[in-house]
C-alpha atoms as a PDB file:
ATOM      1  CA  MET A   1     -12.859  34.240   3.196  1.00  0.00           C
ATOM      2  CA  ILE A   2     -11.754  36.217   0.122  1.00  0.00           C
ATOM      3  CA  GLU A   3     -12.069  39.995   0.188  1.00  0.00           C
ATOM      4  CA  PRO A   4     -14.377  41.633  -2.429  1.00  0.00           C
ATOM      5  CA  SER A   5     -11.279  42.945  -4.236  1.00  0.00           C
ATOM      6  CA  GLY A   6     -10.136  39.377  -4.813  1.00  0.00           C
ATOM      7  CA  ARG A   7      -7.058  39.925  -2.657  1.00  0.00           C
ATOM      8  CA  ILE A   8      -6.239  37.356  -0.022  1.00  0.00           C
ATOM      9  CA  PRO A   9      -6.940  38.890   3.435  1.00  0.00           C
ATOM     10  CA  MET A  10      -4.248  39.272   6.074  1.00  0.00           C
ATOM     11  CA  PRO A  11      -4.126  36.288   8.430  1.00  0.00           C
ATOM     12  CA  ALA A  12      -5.146  36.222  12.075  1.00  0.00           C
ATOM     13  CA  ARG A  13      -1.722  34.660  12.691  1.00  0.00           C
ATOM     14  CA  PRO A  14       1.288  34.395  10.395  1.00  0.00           C
ATOM     15  CA  ARG A  15       2.373  30.881   9.505  1.00  0.00           C
ATOM     16  CA  THR A  16       5.406  29.372   7.839  1.00  0.00           C
ATOM     17  CA  PHE A  17       4.742  27.264   4.770  1.00  0.00           C
ATOM     18  CA  ALA A  18       7.535  24.810   3.947  1.00  0.00           C
ATOM     19  CA  LEU A  19       7.066  24.008   0.267  1.00  0.00           C
ATOM     20  CA  ILE A  20       8.615  20.715  -0.874  1.00  0.00           C
ATOM     21  CA  PRO A  21       8.928  20.137  -4.631  1.00  0.00           C
ATOM     22  CA  GLY A  22       8.525  16.867  -6.464  1.00  0.00           C
ATOM     23  CA  ALA A  23      11.043  14.824  -8.451  1.00  0.00           C
ATOM     24  CA  GLY A  24      14.117  16.813  -9.394  1.00  0.00           C
ATOM     25  CA  GLY A  25      13.766  18.982  -6.307  1.00  0.00           C
ATOM     26  CA  VAL A  26      13.311  22.307  -8.093  1.00  0.00           C
ATOM     27  CA  ALA A  27      12.163  24.980  -5.623  1.00  0.00           C
ATOM     28  CA  ALA A  28      11.157  27.259  -8.513  1.00  0.00           C
ATOM     29  CA  TYR A  29       8.120  25.020  -9.005  1.00  0.00           C
ATOM     30  CA  TRP A  30       6.506  27.092  -6.230  1.00  0.00           C
ATOM     31  CA  HIS A  31       7.385  30.484  -7.727  1.00  0.00           C
ATOM     32  CA  ARG A  32       3.782  31.501  -8.367  1.00  0.00           C
ATOM     33  CA  VAL A  33       2.489  30.429  -4.935  1.00  0.00           C
ATOM     34  CA  VAL A  34       5.266  31.931  -2.804  1.00  0.00           C
ATOM     35  CA  PRO A  35       4.442  35.618  -3.491  1.00  0.00           C
ATOM     36  CA  LEU A  36       0.740  35.011  -2.853  1.00  0.00           C
ATOM     37  CA  LEU A  37       1.442  33.504   0.563  1.00  0.00           C
ATOM     38  CA  ARG A  38       3.842  36.328   1.406  1.00  0.00           C
ATOM     39  CA  GLU A  39       1.384  38.959   0.233  1.00  0.00           C
ATOM     40  CA  ALA A  40      -1.093  37.486   2.703  1.00  0.00           C
ATOM     41  CA  GLY A  41       1.376  37.959   5.566  1.00  0.00           C
ATOM     42  CA  HIS A  42       2.846  34.474   5.821  1.00  0.00           C
ATOM     43  CA  GLU A  43       6.391  33.198   5.440  1.00  0.00           C
ATOM     44  CA  ALA A  44       6.844  30.867   2.463  1.00  0.00           C
ATOM     45  CA  ILE A  45      10.013  28.816   2.077  1.00  0.00           C
ATOM     46  CA  ALA A  46      10.417  26.773  -1.099  1.00  0.00           C
ATOM     47  CA  VAL A  47      13.177  24.250  -0.511  1.00  0.00           C
ATOM     48  CA  ASP A  48      15.580  23.329  -3.315  1.00  0.00           C
ATOM     49  CA  LEU A  49      16.469  19.637  -2.985  1.00  0.00           C
ATOM     50  CA  THR A  50      19.485  17.848  -4.437  1.00  0.00           C
ATOM     51  CA  GLY A  51      17.484  15.488  -6.624  1.00  0.00           C
ATOM     52  CA  ALA A  52      20.397  14.543  -8.869  1.00  0.00           C
ATOM     53  CA  ASP A  53      22.712  13.662  -5.961  1.00  0.00           C
ATOM     54  CA  PRO A  54      23.243   9.882  -6.221  1.00  0.00           C
ATOM     55  CA  HIS A  55      23.746   9.654  -2.451  1.00  0.00           C
ATOM     56  CA  ALA A  56      20.798  11.773  -1.272  1.00  0.00           C
ATOM     57  CA  GLY A  57      17.786   9.876   0.031  1.00  0.00           C
ATOM     58  CA  LEU A  58      14.701  10.766   2.021  1.00  0.00           C
ATOM     59  CA  ALA A  59      16.625  11.332   5.249  1.00  0.00           C
ATOM     60  CA  GLU A  60      18.837  13.914   3.539  1.00  0.00           C
ATOM     61  CA  TYR A  61      15.806  15.630   2.011  1.00  0.00           C
ATOM     62  CA  ALA A  62      14.116  15.821   5.411  1.00  0.00           C
ATOM     63  CA  LYS A  63      17.239  17.391   6.916  1.00  0.00           C
ATOM     64  CA  MET A  64      17.260  20.053   4.208  1.00  0.00           C
ATOM     65  CA  VAL A  65      13.639  20.971   4.830  1.00  0.00           C
ATOM     66  CA  GLY A  66      14.078  20.866   8.604  1.00  0.00           C
ATOM     67  CA  ALA A  67      17.083  23.175   8.408  1.00  0.00           C
ATOM     68  CA  ALA A  68      15.157  25.617   6.216  1.00  0.00           C
ATOM     69  CA  VAL A  69      12.373  26.029   8.807  1.00  0.00           C
ATOM     70  CA  ASP A  70      14.442  25.603  11.972  1.00  0.00           C
ATOM     71  CA  GLY A  71      13.233  27.867  14.758  1.00  0.00           C
ATOM     72  CA  ARG A  72       9.970  28.790  13.058  1.00  0.00           C
ATOM     73  CA  ASP A  73       6.599  28.393  14.759  1.00  0.00           C
ATOM     74  CA  ASP A  74       3.372  27.132  13.214  1.00  0.00           C
ATOM     75  CA  VAL A  75       4.998  25.356  10.273  1.00  0.00           C
ATOM     76  CA  VAL A  76       2.770  23.857   7.589  1.00  0.00           C
ATOM     77  CA  VAL A  77       4.549  21.319   5.392  1.00  0.00           C
ATOM     78  CA  VAL A  78       3.224  21.350   1.818  1.00  0.00           C
ATOM     79  CA  ALA A  79       4.449  18.468  -0.328  1.00  0.00           C
ATOM     80  CA  GLN A  80       4.121  18.066  -4.092  1.00  0.00           C
ATOM     81  CA  SER A  81       4.271  14.656  -5.825  1.00  0.00           C
ATOM     82  CA  LEU A  82       7.445  12.793  -4.717  1.00  0.00           C
ATOM     83  CA  GLY A  83       7.790  15.373  -1.937  1.00  0.00           C
ATOM     84  CA  GLY A  84       5.056  13.486  -0.105  1.00  0.00           C
ATOM     85  CA  PHE A  85       7.630  10.940   1.039  1.00  0.00           C
ATOM     86  CA  THR A  86       9.675  13.651   2.742  1.00  0.00           C
ATOM     87  CA  ALA A  87       6.767  15.217   4.641  1.00  0.00           C
ATOM     88  CA  PRO A  88       6.357  12.695   7.511  1.00  0.00           C
ATOM     89  CA  LEU A  89      10.112  12.652   8.106  1.00  0.00           C
ATOM     90  CA  VAL A  90      10.145  16.436   8.477  1.00  0.00           C
ATOM     91  CA  ALA A  91       7.311  16.134  10.990  1.00  0.00           C
ATOM     92  CA  LYS A  92       9.453  13.709  12.995  1.00  0.00           C
ATOM     93  CA  ALA A  93      12.381  16.088  13.092  1.00  0.00           C
ATOM     94  CA  VAL A  94      10.849  19.516  13.750  1.00  0.00           C
ATOM     95  CA  PRO A  95       7.574  20.805  15.203  1.00  0.00           C
ATOM     96  CA  VAL A  96       4.956  20.848  12.443  1.00  0.00           C
ATOM     97  CA  ALA A  97       1.399  22.177  12.727  1.00  0.00           C
ATOM     98  CA  ALA A  98      -0.059  20.479   9.627  1.00  0.00           C
ATOM     99  CA  ILE A  99       0.822  18.505   6.507  1.00  0.00           C
ATOM    100  CA  VAL A 100      -0.725  19.175   3.112  1.00  0.00           C
ATOM    101  CA  PHE A 101      -0.222  16.737   0.239  1.00  0.00           C
ATOM    102  CA  VAL A 102      -0.646  18.316  -3.198  1.00  0.00           C
ATOM    103  CA  ASN A 103      -1.018  15.716  -5.962  1.00  0.00           C
ATOM    104  CA  ALA A 104       1.414  13.786  -3.814  1.00  0.00           C
ATOM    105  CA  MET A 105       2.738  10.302  -3.253  1.00  0.00           C
ATOM    106  CA  ILE A 106       1.369   9.510   0.198  1.00  0.00           C
ATOM    107  CA  PRO A 107       3.651   6.966   1.862  1.00  0.00           C
ATOM    108  CA  ALA A 108       2.841   4.096   4.174  1.00  0.00           C
ATOM    109  CA  PRO A 109       5.197   3.666   7.138  1.00  0.00           C
ATOM    110  CA  GLY A 110       8.353   1.861   6.031  1.00  0.00           C
ATOM    111  CA  GLU A 111       7.564   2.119   2.311  1.00  0.00           C
ATOM    112  CA  THR A 112      10.005   3.212  -0.383  1.00  0.00           C
ATOM    113  CA  PRO A 113       9.046   5.546  -3.231  1.00  0.00           C
ATOM    114  CA  GLY A 114      10.062   2.825  -5.654  1.00  0.00           C
ATOM    115  CA  ALA A 115       7.535   0.384  -4.150  1.00  0.00           C
ATOM    116  CA  TRP A 116       4.729   2.957  -3.982  1.00  0.00           C
ATOM    117  CA  TRP A 117       3.766   2.716  -7.652  1.00  0.00           C
ATOM    118  CA  ASP A 118       2.833  -0.952  -7.559  1.00  0.00           C
ATOM    119  CA  SER A 119       1.420  -0.934  -4.046  1.00  0.00           C
ATOM    120  CA  THR A 120      -1.043   1.848  -4.924  1.00  0.00           C
ATOM    121  CA  GLY A 121      -1.878   0.670  -8.460  1.00  0.00           C
ATOM    122  CA  GLN A 122      -0.883   4.001  -9.997  1.00  0.00           C
ATOM    123  CA  ALA A 123      -0.100   2.608 -13.467  1.00  0.00           C
ATOM    124  CA  GLN A 124      -3.489   0.959 -13.778  1.00  0.00           C
ATOM    125  CA  ALA A 125      -5.271   4.116 -12.605  1.00  0.00           C
ATOM    126  CA  LEU A 126      -3.310   6.239 -15.086  1.00  0.00           C
ATOM    127  CA  ALA A 127      -4.125   3.911 -18.000  1.00  0.00           C
ATOM    128  CA  ALA A 128      -7.820   3.764 -17.147  1.00  0.00           C
ATOM    129  CA  ALA A 129      -8.061   7.558 -16.909  1.00  0.00           C
ATOM    130  CA  ALA A 130      -6.174   7.997 -20.193  1.00  0.00           C
ATOM    131  CA  GLU A 131      -8.528   5.654 -22.004  1.00  0.00           C
ATOM    132  CA  ARG A 132     -11.538   7.540 -20.645  1.00  0.00           C
ATOM    133  CA  GLY A 133      -9.973  10.903 -21.489  1.00  0.00           C
ATOM    134  CA  GLY A 134      -8.817   9.966 -24.973  1.00  0.00           C
ATOM    135  CA  TYR A 135      -5.129  10.764 -24.516  1.00  0.00           C
ATOM    136  CA  SER A 136      -2.057   8.516 -24.708  1.00  0.00           C
ATOM    137  CA  THR A 137      -1.413   5.954 -21.995  1.00  0.00           C
ATOM    138  CA  GLY A 138       2.341   6.355 -22.629  1.00  0.00           C
ATOM    139  CA  PHE A 139       3.893   9.038 -20.462  1.00  0.00           C
ATOM    140  CA  ASP A 140       5.201  12.201 -22.049  1.00  0.00           C
ATOM    141  CA  LEU A 141       5.896  15.556 -20.450  1.00  0.00           C
ATOM    142  CA  GLU A 142       3.459  17.554 -22.577  1.00  0.00           C
ATOM    143  CA  THR A 143       0.458  15.279 -22.046  1.00  0.00           C
ATOM    144  CA  TYR A 144       0.864  14.548 -18.358  1.00  0.00           C
ATOM    145  CA  PHE A 145       2.536  17.605 -16.831  1.00  0.00           C
ATOM    146  CA  LEU A 146       2.302  20.592 -19.170  1.00  0.00           C
ATOM    147  CA  HIS A 147      -1.196  20.303 -20.637  1.00  0.00           C
ATOM    148  CA  ASP A 148      -2.592  23.134 -18.468  1.00  0.00           C
ATOM    149  CA  VAL A 149       0.597  25.092 -17.720  1.00  0.00           C
ATOM    150  CA  CYS A 150       1.253  28.478 -19.335  1.00  0.00           C
ATOM    151  CA  ALA A 151       3.803  28.714 -22.153  1.00  0.00           C
ATOM    152  CA  GLU A 152       6.336  30.570 -19.980  1.00  0.00           C
ATOM    153  CA  ASP A 153       6.382  27.941 -17.243  1.00  0.00           C
ATOM    154  CA  ALA A 154       6.287  25.083 -19.723  1.00  0.00           C
ATOM    155  CA  ALA A 155       9.382  26.469 -21.466  1.00  0.00           C
ATOM    156  CA  ALA A 156      11.202  26.841 -18.130  1.00  0.00           C
ATOM    157  CA  ILE A 157      10.447  23.225 -17.233  1.00  0.00           C
ATOM    158  CA  ARG A 158      11.655  21.940 -20.584  1.00  0.00           C
ATOM    159  CA  GLU A 159      14.904  23.885 -20.175  1.00  0.00           C
ATOM    160  CA  ASP A 160      15.521  22.754 -16.574  1.00  0.00           C
ATOM    161  CA  GLN A 161      14.541  19.082 -16.408  1.00  0.00           C
ATOM    162  CA  ARG A 162      16.564  17.928 -13.426  1.00  0.00           C
ATOM    163  CA  ASP A 163      17.025  14.220 -12.933  1.00  0.00           C
ATOM    164  CA  GLU A 164      16.042  12.438  -9.734  1.00  0.00           C
ATOM    165  CA  GLY A 165      18.712  10.031  -8.478  1.00  0.00           C
ATOM    166  CA  ASP A 166      17.915   6.391  -7.800  1.00  0.00           C
ATOM    167  CA  ALA A 167      18.839   6.679  -4.118  1.00  0.00           C
ATOM    168  CA  VAL A 168      15.608   8.352  -3.086  1.00  0.00           C
ATOM    169  CA  PHE A 169      13.438   5.699  -4.731  1.00  0.00           C
ATOM    170  CA  GLU A 170      15.255   2.992  -2.800  1.00  0.00           C
ATOM    171  CA  SER A 171      15.223   4.841   0.513  1.00  0.00           C
ATOM    172  CA  VAL A 172      12.797   3.844   3.275  1.00  0.00           C
ATOM    173  CA  CYS A 173      10.279   6.345   4.628  1.00  0.00           C
ATOM    174  CA  ALA A 174      11.179   5.597   8.240  1.00  0.00           C
ATOM    175  CA  PHE A 175       8.227   6.631  10.352  1.00  0.00           C
ATOM    176  CA  ASP A 176       5.868   4.541  12.488  1.00  0.00           C
ATOM    177  CA  ALA A 177       2.607   6.472  12.380  1.00  0.00           C
ATOM    178  CA  TRP A 178       1.171   9.786  11.266  1.00  0.00           C
ATOM    179  CA  PRO A 179       1.612  12.554  13.853  1.00  0.00           C
ATOM    180  CA  ALA A 180      -1.418  13.872  15.713  1.00  0.00           C
ATOM    181  CA  ILE A 181      -1.738  16.954  13.529  1.00  0.00           C
ATOM    182  CA  PRO A 182      -4.115  17.862  10.684  1.00  0.00           C
ATOM    183  CA  VAL A 183      -3.261  16.073   7.440  1.00  0.00           C
ATOM    184  CA  ARG A 184      -4.893  17.368   4.242  1.00  0.00           C
ATOM    185  CA  VAL A 185      -4.853  15.961   0.739  1.00  0.00           C
ATOM    186  CA  VAL A 186      -5.336  18.183  -2.318  1.00  0.00           C
ATOM    187  CA  ALA A 187      -6.086  16.490  -5.639  1.00  0.00           C
ATOM    188  CA  GLY A 188      -6.094  18.240  -9.003  1.00  0.00           C
ATOM    189  CA  ALA A 189      -9.354  17.714 -10.873  1.00  0.00           C
ATOM    190  CA  ASP A 190      -7.377  17.508 -14.126  1.00  0.00           C
ATOM    191  CA  ASP A 191      -4.314  15.614 -12.890  1.00  0.00           C
ATOM    192  CA  ARG A 192      -3.516  12.990 -15.523  1.00  0.00           C
ATOM    193  CA  PHE A 193      -0.483  11.536 -13.749  1.00  0.00           C
ATOM    194  CA  PHE A 194      -2.273  10.845 -10.453  1.00  0.00           C
ATOM    195  CA  PRO A 195      -5.950  10.809 -11.534  1.00  0.00           C
ATOM    196  CA  VAL A 196      -8.360  12.346  -9.059  1.00  0.00           C
ATOM    197  CA  ASP A 197     -10.272   9.137  -8.249  1.00  0.00           C
ATOM    198  CA  PHE A 198      -6.949   7.405  -7.608  1.00  0.00           C
ATOM    199  CA  GLN A 199      -5.899  10.189  -5.241  1.00  0.00           C
ATOM    200  CA  ARG A 200      -9.190   9.997  -3.393  1.00  0.00           C
ATOM    201  CA  ARG A 201      -8.729   6.267  -2.820  1.00  0.00           C
ATOM    202  CA  VAL A 202      -5.128   6.595  -1.680  1.00  0.00           C
ATOM    203  CA  ALA A 203      -6.057   9.446   0.696  1.00  0.00           C
ATOM    204  CA  ARG A 204      -8.713   7.292   2.341  1.00  0.00           C
ATOM    205  CA  ASP A 205      -6.486   4.227   2.512  1.00  0.00           C
ATOM    206  CA  ARG A 206      -3.300   5.917   3.670  1.00  0.00           C
ATOM    207  CA  VAL A 207      -4.370   8.797   5.935  1.00  0.00           C
ATOM    208  CA  GLY A 208      -8.109   8.280   6.408  1.00  0.00           C
ATOM    209  CA  VAL A 209      -9.182  11.615   4.930  1.00  0.00           C
ATOM    210  CA  GLU A 210     -11.256  12.750   1.987  1.00  0.00           C
ATOM    211  CA  ALA A 211      -9.213  14.548  -0.644  1.00  0.00           C
ATOM    212  CA  ASP A 212     -10.107  18.159  -1.376  1.00  0.00           C
ATOM    213  CA  VAL A 213     -10.385  18.589  -5.144  1.00  0.00           C
ATOM    214  CA  LEU A 214      -9.115  21.830  -6.677  1.00  0.00           C
ATOM    215  CA  PRO A 215      -8.856  22.819 -10.340  1.00  0.00           C
ATOM    216  CA  GLY A 216      -5.628  22.038 -12.136  1.00  0.00           C
ATOM    217  CA  GLY A 217      -3.415  19.239 -13.341  1.00  0.00           C
ATOM    218  CA  HIS A 218      -0.388  17.622 -11.723  1.00  0.00           C
ATOM    219  CA  LEU A 219       1.547  20.920 -11.599  1.00  0.00           C
ATOM    220  CA  MET A 220      -1.263  22.769  -9.864  1.00  0.00           C
ATOM    221  CA  ALA A 221       1.032  25.286  -8.166  1.00  0.00           C
ATOM    222  CA  LEU A 222       1.885  26.603 -11.639  1.00  0.00           C
ATOM    223  CA  SER A 223      -1.475  26.311 -13.389  1.00  0.00           C
ATOM    224  CA  GLN A 224      -3.763  27.295 -10.463  1.00  0.00           C
ATOM    225  CA  PRO A 225      -1.621  29.203  -7.947  1.00  0.00           C
ATOM    226  CA  ASP A 226      -4.446  31.451  -6.729  1.00  0.00           C
ATOM    227  CA  ALA A 227      -6.734  28.527  -5.892  1.00  0.00           C
ATOM    228  CA  LEU A 228      -3.969  26.637  -4.141  1.00  0.00           C
ATOM    229  CA  ALA A 229      -2.762  29.666  -2.161  1.00  0.00           C
ATOM    230  CA  ARG A 230      -6.286  30.422  -0.965  1.00  0.00           C
ATOM    231  CA  TYR A 231      -6.703  26.815   0.089  1.00  0.00           C
ATOM    232  CA  LEU A 232      -3.454  26.835   2.066  1.00  0.00           C
ATOM    233  CA  ILE A 233      -4.246  30.110   3.789  1.00  0.00           C
ATOM    234  CA  GLY A 234      -7.660  28.763   4.749  1.00  0.00           C
ATOM    235  CA  ILE A 235      -6.297  25.759   6.646  1.00  0.00           C
END
């Protein structure tokens, strides 16, 4: 429930939100959500991953996230885009209370991120949505990631475009089954990279849940931080 002032109310219990970024591993992606979670009385840890490291795969990413939240109770793992492949491995390594996918690549057990695109039909879904929406089917940063992001954040992204090494796309997401904890899927209503109908289908197929649709494009944590923070606090 939101207070009449519009401020997020203090929680009944503080939680720790482990915020995993997408490709490139830039923790600053979460910079608008982190203060909102902290203002509401929670701990928020945005993890900077070594995306450009040619030797770092999913196992290394999971270790980084696990180390960042080690010893914390009531940890909620929040994974953006490529970060979705790290989430189940974190849940294997440390106690986790819930997983939230945010416009994320939801893995199947034993899948690699490189295989995910074809196995889910992402390219076909992107092209169909682009044709309906009247924008280019060829990927470019402005059309697919920055179309609803403020000028300040868009400029920061253009200036700090970190590469993602090939190792992670070839690395196996080594888990057998989803843990017996709540798993949520958040889909951006205006996500052009992972269109909302595509995300709904993948959520049903992969984790058996209905996606919760919030406003915003692929970089929802930048374009709609208030909506996303309220959603996370309400879990």
